[in-house]
Protein backbone atom coordinates (compact mmCIF):
# COMPACT_ATOMS: atom_id res chain seq x y z
CA MET A 1 -0.23 -0.34 0.31
CA PRO A 2 1.31 3.53 -0.71
CA ASN A 3 2.73 5.74 2.03
CA VAL A 4 0.75 8.35 2.75
CA SER A 5 1.15 12.33 1.69
CA ILE A 6 1.13 14.69 4.54
CA GLY A 7 1.63 17.73 5.58
CA VAL A 8 2.58 19.39 8.75
CA ILE A 9 1.29 23.24 9.74
CA GLY A 10 2.97 25.12 12.42
CA ALA A 11 6.10 24.30 13.50
CA GLY A 12 5.94 24.91 17.09
CA LEU A 13 6.52 23.07 20.02
CA ILE A 14 3.83 20.14 19.46
CA GLY A 15 4.66 20.58 15.67
CA ARG A 16 7.68 19.68 15.92
CA LYS A 17 6.94 16.91 18.01
CA HIS A 18 4.79 15.39 15.12
CA VAL A 19 7.54 15.97 12.68
CA LYS A 20 9.49 14.13 14.56
CA LYS A 21 7.65 11.13 14.80
CA ILE A 22 6.52 11.45 10.71
CA ILE A 23 9.76 11.38 9.51
CA GLU A 24 10.85 8.17 11.78
CA HIS A 25 7.22 6.50 10.36
CA PRO A 26 7.86 4.25 7.27
CA ASP A 27 4.15 4.65 5.81
CA PHE A 28 4.26 8.15 5.62
CA ASP A 29 6.30 11.10 3.16
CA LEU A 30 6.18 14.40 4.67
CA ALA A 31 5.19 16.65 1.45
CA GLY A 32 6.16 19.85 3.18
CA ILE A 33 6.48 22.41 6.74
CA ALA A 34 3.56 25.75 6.90
CA ASP A 35 4.23 28.22 9.64
CA ILE A 36 4.98 31.90 9.30
CA GLU A 37 8.53 31.12 10.94
CA ARG A 38 9.59 30.42 7.54
CA ASP A 39 13.34 31.25 6.95
CA ALA A 40 14.23 29.63 10.72
CA VAL A 41 11.94 26.48 10.35
CA SER A 42 14.30 25.71 7.29
CA ALA A 43 17.21 26.17 8.61
CA GLN A 44 15.40 23.41 11.31
CA TYR A 45 14.72 21.14 8.71
CA PRO A 46 17.18 22.21 5.56
CA ASP A 47 15.81 19.20 3.12
CA ILE A 48 11.88 19.19 3.57
CA PRO A 49 9.89 22.23 1.68
CA VAL A 50 8.45 24.64 4.40
CA PHE A 51 6.40 27.18 3.16
CA LYS A 52 5.24 30.59 4.56
CA ASP A 53 1.44 29.43 4.71
CA TYR A 54 -1.06 26.88 4.97
CA LYS A 55 -2.57 27.36 1.10
CA SER A 56 0.43 27.45 -0.51
CA LEU A 57 1.10 23.83 1.37
CA LEU A 58 -1.84 23.05 0.05
CA GLY A 59 -1.78 24.18 -3.14
CA GLU A 60 1.46 23.30 -4.00
CA ALA A 61 2.30 20.15 -2.20
CA ARG A 62 -0.77 18.87 -2.22
CA PRO A 63 -0.86 16.13 0.45
CA GLN A 64 -3.32 13.65 1.13
CA ALA A 65 -3.93 14.50 4.60
CA VAL A 66 -2.56 16.76 7.71
CA ILE A 67 -1.59 17.33 10.74
CA ILE A 68 -2.84 20.73 12.21
CA ALA A 69 -0.71 22.00 15.37
CA SER A 70 -0.80 26.06 14.50
CA PRO A 71 -2.11 28.55 17.11
CA ASN A 72 -5.79 27.25 18.45
CA GLN A 73 -7.92 30.06 16.43
CA SER A 74 -6.26 29.31 13.52
CA HIS A 75 -7.68 26.02 13.54
CA ALA A 76 -11.32 26.45 12.58
CA ALA A 77 -10.28 28.04 9.10
CA ILE A 78 -7.34 25.79 8.07
CA GLY A 79 -9.87 22.56 8.49
CA ILE A 80 -12.55 24.22 6.56
CA GLU A 81 -9.83 25.13 3.72
CA CYS A 82 -8.60 21.65 3.99
CA ALA A 83 -12.52 19.82 3.98
CA ARG A 84 -12.91 22.08 1.02
CA ARG A 85 -10.34 20.84 -0.91
CA GLY A 86 -10.72 17.10 0.64
CA ILE A 87 -7.95 16.84 2.76
CA ASP A 88 -8.42 14.06 5.79
CA MET A 89 -6.70 15.91 9.14
CA LEU A 90 -5.62 15.64 12.43
CA ILE A 91 -5.96 18.94 14.39
CA GLU A 92 -4.07 19.22 17.53
CA LYS A 93 -6.42 19.58 20.83
CA PRO A 94 -8.48 21.69 21.35
CA VAL A 95 -10.26 20.96 18.45
CA THR A 96 -10.97 24.84 18.20
CA ASP A 97 -11.23 27.83 20.42
CA THR A 98 -15.08 28.19 19.95
CA LEU A 99 -17.88 26.67 19.71
CA GLU A 100 -18.73 29.10 16.87
CA SER A 101 -16.62 27.77 15.28
CA ALA A 102 -16.58 23.53 15.86
CA ALA A 103 -19.80 23.76 14.51
CA ALA A 104 -18.53 25.80 11.45
CA LEU A 105 -15.95 23.43 10.77
CA LEU A 106 -17.77 20.30 11.27
CA LEU A 107 -20.69 21.71 8.92
CA GLU A 108 -17.54 22.24 6.30
CA VAL A 109 -16.24 18.32 7.73
CA ARG A 110 -20.16 16.42 6.49
CA ALA A 111 -20.19 18.32 3.64
CA SER A 112 -17.00 16.87 2.51
CA ASN A 113 -16.58 14.29 4.25
CA VAL A 114 -13.17 13.95 5.35
CA ARG A 115 -12.03 12.37 7.51
CA THR A 116 -10.63 13.49 11.10
CA LEU A 117 -8.77 12.73 14.61
CA VAL A 118 -8.33 15.27 16.88
CA GLY A 119 -5.08 14.71 19.03
CA HIS A 120 -6.39 13.96 22.27
CA HIS A 121 -3.51 11.84 22.55
CA ARG A 122 -4.25 9.70 25.62
CA ARG A 123 -6.94 7.78 23.98
CA HIS A 124 -3.51 5.88 22.46
CA HIS A 125 -2.43 4.97 25.93
CA ASP A 126 -2.15 1.28 26.23
CA GLN A 127 -2.68 1.65 30.35
CA VAL A 128 -6.18 3.37 28.75
CA ARG A 129 -7.55 1.20 26.46
CA THR A 130 -6.81 -1.99 29.00
CA LEU A 131 -9.11 0.65 31.45
CA ARG A 132 -11.74 1.25 29.10
CA ARG A 133 -11.39 -2.58 28.65
CA LEU A 134 -11.96 -3.60 31.96
CA LEU A 135 -14.66 -0.95 32.65
CA GLY A 136 -16.91 -2.17 30.00
CA GLU A 137 -16.51 -5.95 30.54
CA GLY A 138 -17.33 -5.04 33.70
CA LEU A 139 -14.33 -6.34 36.25
CA ILE A 140 -16.04 -3.61 38.59
CA GLY A 141 -19.63 -4.31 38.57
CA ASN A 142 -21.26 -1.09 37.66
CA LEU A 143 -19.59 2.19 37.90
CA VAL A 144 -20.80 3.82 40.03
CA GLY A 145 -18.00 6.58 40.54
CA VAL A 146 -14.82 8.27 39.46
CA SER A 147 -12.30 10.63 41.37
CA ALA A 148 -9.77 12.12 40.65
CA ILE A 149 -6.20 14.66 42.06
CA TRP A 150 -4.57 16.77 38.83
CA ALA A 151 -2.64 18.42 41.02
CA THR A 152 1.30 20.32 40.19
CA TYR A 153 3.13 23.52 41.04
CA LYS A 154 3.79 25.08 37.84
CA PRO A 155 6.58 27.44 38.18
CA ALA A 156 6.55 31.56 37.72
CA ASP A 157 8.13 31.48 34.79
CA TYR A 158 5.93 29.41 33.98
CA PHE A 159 4.17 32.46 33.97
CA ARG A 160 6.05 35.38 33.29
CA VAL A 161 7.37 33.48 29.32
CA ALA A 162 3.54 33.10 28.33
CA PRO A 163 2.48 36.48 30.42
CA TRP A 164 -1.49 35.64 29.08
CA ARG A 165 -1.83 32.42 31.29
CA THR A 166 -2.38 34.61 34.06
CA GLN A 167 -6.05 35.56 32.34
CA PRO A 168 -8.99 34.21 31.79
CA GLY A 169 -8.57 31.48 29.39
CA GLY A 170 -4.68 30.65 30.74
CA GLY A 171 -5.99 28.19 34.27
CA PRO A 172 -5.94 24.77 34.58
CA ILE A 173 -9.25 24.65 33.93
CA LEU A 174 -8.84 25.34 29.90
CA ILE A 175 -4.74 23.96 30.19
CA ASN A 176 -4.94 20.75 31.67
CA LEU A 177 -8.66 19.73 32.55
CA ILE A 178 -9.44 19.66 28.98
CA HIS A 179 -7.33 16.23 28.80
CA GLU A 180 -8.67 14.89 31.91
CA ILE A 181 -12.47 15.93 30.83
CA ASP A 182 -11.79 13.88 27.44
CA PHE A 183 -10.19 11.08 29.41
CA LEU A 184 -13.28 10.77 31.55
CA ARG A 185 -15.80 10.41 28.52
CA TYR A 186 -13.88 7.93 26.49
CA THR A 187 -13.89 5.69 29.44
CA ALA A 188 -16.82 6.51 31.58
CA GLY A 189 -19.13 7.85 29.85
CA GLU A 190 -21.19 10.76 28.09
CA ILE A 191 -20.64 13.94 30.78
CA LEU A 192 -24.59 15.80 31.40
CA GLY A 193 -23.60 17.88 33.87
CA VAL A 194 -21.14 19.70 35.23
CA SER A 195 -21.03 22.46 38.61
CA ALA A 196 -17.91 23.71 39.91
CA ILE A 197 -16.52 26.02 42.43
CA SER A 198 -12.87 27.51 41.24
CA SER A 199 -10.67 29.46 43.47
CA SER A 200 -7.35 32.28 42.70
CA ARG A 201 -6.65 32.49 46.09
CA GLN A 202 -2.87 31.28 45.99
CA ARG A 203 -1.66 33.35 43.06
CA GLN A 204 -4.24 36.28 42.91
CA PHE A 205 -4.14 35.97 39.63
CA SER A 206 -7.22 37.21 37.53
CA VAL A 207 -7.89 33.18 36.61
CA GLU A 208 -8.06 30.57 39.00
CA ASP A 209 -5.42 28.43 40.24
CA THR A 210 -7.77 25.80 41.45
CA VAL A 211 -10.77 24.13 40.86
CA GLY A 212 -13.28 21.29 42.29
CA ALA A 213 -15.86 19.84 39.57
CA LEU A 214 -18.72 17.28 39.84
CA LEU A 215 -19.89 15.47 36.44
CA GLU A 216 -22.92 14.17 36.86
CA PHE A 217 -22.58 10.89 33.49
CA ASP A 218 -24.95 8.89 31.10
CA ALA A 219 -24.88 6.16 33.38
CA GLY A 220 -25.56 7.10 36.44
CA CYS A 221 -22.22 7.33 37.53
CA ILE A 222 -21.05 10.55 39.88
CA GLY A 223 -17.36 11.79 38.95
CA SER A 224 -15.57 14.88 41.39
CA PHE A 225 -12.38 16.82 39.71
CA PHE A 226 -10.55 18.29 41.40
CA ALA A 227 -7.29 20.32 39.69
CA SER A 228 -4.70 22.39 40.49
CA ASP A 229 -1.60 24.51 39.73
CA SER A 230 -0.40 25.44 43.18
CA ALA A 231 -0.06 22.38 45.24
CA VAL A 232 2.89 20.09 45.30
CA SER A 233 2.11 16.59 44.52
CA PRO A 234 2.65 13.24 42.36
CA TRP A 235 -1.26 12.82 41.09
CA THR A 236 -1.09 14.73 37.82
CA THR A 237 -1.55 11.66 34.93
CA GLU A 238 1.58 13.17 32.96
CA GLN A 239 3.86 12.08 36.33
CA GLY A 240 1.68 8.66 36.39
CA VAL A 241 2.07 7.70 32.77
CA GLY A 242 5.97 8.50 32.43
CA GLU A 243 4.38 10.27 28.92
CA SER A 244 6.20 13.68 29.32
CA VAL A 245 9.75 15.10 30.19
CA GLU A 246 8.82 18.00 32.12
CA PHE A 247 6.74 16.05 34.65
CA PRO A 248 9.63 13.51 36.07
CA PHE A 249 7.36 9.56 36.85
CA SER A 250 5.77 9.87 39.56
CA GLY A 251 4.18 6.09 39.00
CA GLU A 252 1.75 6.97 41.16
CA SER A 253 -2.29 6.48 40.71
CA SER A 254 -4.49 10.03 39.77
CA TYR A 255 -8.24 8.30 39.42
CA ARG A 256 -9.79 5.84 41.83
CA PHE A 257 -13.12 4.18 39.72
CA VAL A 258 -15.43 2.49 42.08
CA GLY A 259 -18.07 0.12 41.28
CA SER A 260 -20.10 -2.00 42.50
CA ARG A 261 -18.36 -5.00 42.31
CA GLY A 262 -15.18 -3.13 42.98
CA SER A 263 -12.89 -0.51 42.05
CA LEU A 264 -9.79 0.44 39.62
CA GLU A 265 -6.86 2.92 39.98
CA PHE A 266 -5.36 4.16 37.28
CA PRO A 267 -2.57 4.66 35.83
CA ASN A 268 -1.64 1.67 37.60
CA LEU A 269 -4.50 -0.71 37.30
CA VAL A 270 -5.10 -1.93 40.60
CA HIS A 271 -8.15 -3.63 41.02
CA TRP A 272 -10.02 -4.35 45.22
CA SER A 273 -12.42 -5.71 45.07
CA GLN A 274 -13.66 -8.63 47.21
CA ALA A 275 -13.29 -12.73 47.21
CA HIS A 276 -16.56 -14.49 44.90
CA GLY A 277 -17.16 -10.75 43.79
CA GLY A 278 -18.74 -10.38 48.08
CA GLN A 279 -20.06 -7.31 48.73
CA ASN A 280 -19.93 -6.86 52.41
CA TRP A 281 -18.06 -4.21 53.98
CA ASN A 282 -17.10 -6.24 57.01
CA GLU A 283 -15.39 -8.58 54.06
CA PRO A 284 -11.84 -7.97 53.47
CA ILE A 285 -10.79 -6.29 49.99
CA ARG A 286 -7.75 -7.68 48.47
CA SER A 287 -5.71 -5.46 45.27
CA ARG A 288 -4.23 -7.59 42.50
CA ARG A 289 -1.92 -5.09 39.59
CA LEU A 290 -2.95 -5.42 36.45
CA LEU A 291 -0.75 -5.50 32.99
CA ALA A 292 -0.70 -3.02 30.12
CA SER A 293 1.95 -2.32 28.70
CA PHE A 294 4.09 1.64 28.11
CA ILE A 295 3.86 2.82 24.46
CA ASP A 296 4.51 5.81 22.74
CA PRO A 297 0.74 7.78 22.18
CA TYR A 298 2.13 10.10 19.55
CA ARG A 299 3.01 6.58 17.69
CA ALA A 300 -0.14 5.08 18.19
CA GLN A 301 -2.39 8.12 17.83
CA LEU A 302 -0.20 8.71 14.00
CA ASP A 303 -0.47 4.78 13.74
CA HIS A 304 -4.07 5.22 13.68
CA PHE A 305 -4.74 7.80 11.79
CA ARG A 306 -2.77 6.78 9.02
CA ASP A 307 -5.47 4.20 9.36
CA VAL A 308 -8.30 6.17 9.19
CA VAL A 309 -6.75 8.24 6.16
CA ARG A 310 -6.81 5.19 4.83
CA GLY A 311 -10.44 4.14 5.42
CA THR A 312 -9.77 0.65 7.05
CA ALA A 313 -10.27 2.17 10.42
CA GLU A 314 -12.49 4.89 12.38
CA SER A 315 -11.77 7.20 14.47
CA LEU A 316 -11.53 7.17 17.54
CA LEU A 317 -11.69 10.98 18.34
CA THR A 318 -14.05 13.08 15.27
CA VAL A 319 -13.63 17.04 15.03
CA GLU A 320 -17.72 16.24 16.98
CA ASP A 321 -16.42 13.75 19.50
CA GLY A 322 -13.96 16.64 19.48
CA ALA A 323 -16.25 19.12 20.54
CA ARG A 324 -18.27 17.48 22.56
CA THR A 325 -15.00 17.94 25.14
CA LEU A 326 -14.54 21.20 24.37
CA ILE A 327 -18.38 21.95 25.49
CA ALA A 328 -18.37 19.99 28.74
CA THR A 329 -14.27 21.89 29.48
CA LEU A 330 -15.90 25.24 28.93
CA ALA A 331 -19.13 24.42 30.98
CA VAL A 332 -16.61 23.82 33.70
CA THR A 333 -16.05 27.34 33.55
CA GLU A 334 -18.98 29.13 33.81
CA ALA A 335 -20.15 26.53 36.24
CA ALA A 336 -16.92 27.65 38.69
CA ILE A 337 -17.95 31.72 37.22
CA SER A 338 -22.19 31.33 37.33
CA GLY A 339 -22.35 29.58 40.70
CA ASN A 340 -25.13 27.14 38.81
CA ARG A 341 -25.70 23.52 37.22
CA ILE A 342 -24.42 23.47 33.50
CA ASP A 343 -26.46 21.16 31.59
CA LEU A 344 -25.15 19.96 28.71
CA ARG A 345 -27.82 17.93 27.21
CA ASP A 346 -29.21 20.74 24.71
CA ARG A 347 -25.91 22.00 24.39
CA TYR A 348 -24.35 18.41 22.29
CA GLU A 349 -27.59 18.36 20.46
CA ALA A 350 -27.65 22.01 18.75
CA LEU A 351 -23.70 21.12 17.57
CA ALA A 352 -25.07 17.99 16.00
CA ALA A 353 -27.72 20.52 14.57
CA GLY A 354 -24.22 22.65 13.21
CA GLU A 355 -25.69 25.46 15.50
CA PHE A 356 -24.49 26.88 18.43
CA PRO A 357 -26.27 26.88 22.34
CA PRO A 358 -27.36 30.51 22.62
CA SER A 359 -27.28 29.56 26.26
CA GLN A 360 -22.68 29.22 26.15
CA PRO A 361 -21.01 32.59 26.23
CA SER A 362 -20.05 33.14 23.29
CA SER A 363 -16.69 34.82 24.48
CA SER A 364 -15.61 31.82 26.03
CA ARG A 365 -12.71 30.35 24.12
CA VAL A 366 -9.66 27.89 25.27
CA SER A 367 -6.13 28.92 25.24
CA ILE A 368 -3.64 26.22 25.24
């Protein structure tokens, strides 16, 4: 089968990571890179065609597929142009920066029937796939609840380098929690309602540094999530799975999935249950560690995108699915500001119809 010709739009930190993975992959041919810093990128990749704008890349290199790793606010416009040209796309998360633009992109994708994948790479971890399978097989019975922590202390330089991180949109909800929201949607089920409280007491910025969220899932499961970028702890997904050099490995589980017949820790996949499927608080609860291999999630994501482009696999995360993650994440911010429970069902329905939900503030925007 011929290689997939692919272009990369945006050569920032994540774009360069994709370029590296593509060059190493035997089933892709890198047709070119588009970035406004053309000269600097050309110097870094002298053997690869580099274009100053994405339309030149699409028109001259004519790739079969692209990875969109440009700034968030440009995702929709680039995706719409690719859809109109019949080019399949992997869009880095978040899928777009607003729900209006997500709805517009979704309409174009449906009209063109191009194949899409949104880059929430955690869905491709083997630990995540194993967890989802075990939950689906009923290993712990009915899923009753999930409790999670994402807490780390971001250094002062993190905010000095990018001052926008001290402003609304730069806090842990829209930078970090969006990854966890997508993970929970994939493993625990669709999120139907959100309540939240946030605080900026630790850093005194105009954006939150800490948030607590209560999530309602479609199967009746209830979830609680604590997130903070101002607390020292070993409990983040990054530290637990060792997926990023910026987060030293801790190996600690930051999730507890609790069921009617047992519980599971994640990412360590420790299974807690009573003998013979017992359900009695007077009986001892025993643990056993289940196994999952460690794989490079970005390589696994690229393998999956190859299969999606070739038409041999259904996308694990389409534009519509990615937009649902965006809806649920933005709702956490809205719930924390308003103090109200936010019901998401009408927003999902409006997205599916290609409309922007009027109850969602149009100023809600993701900055990652």
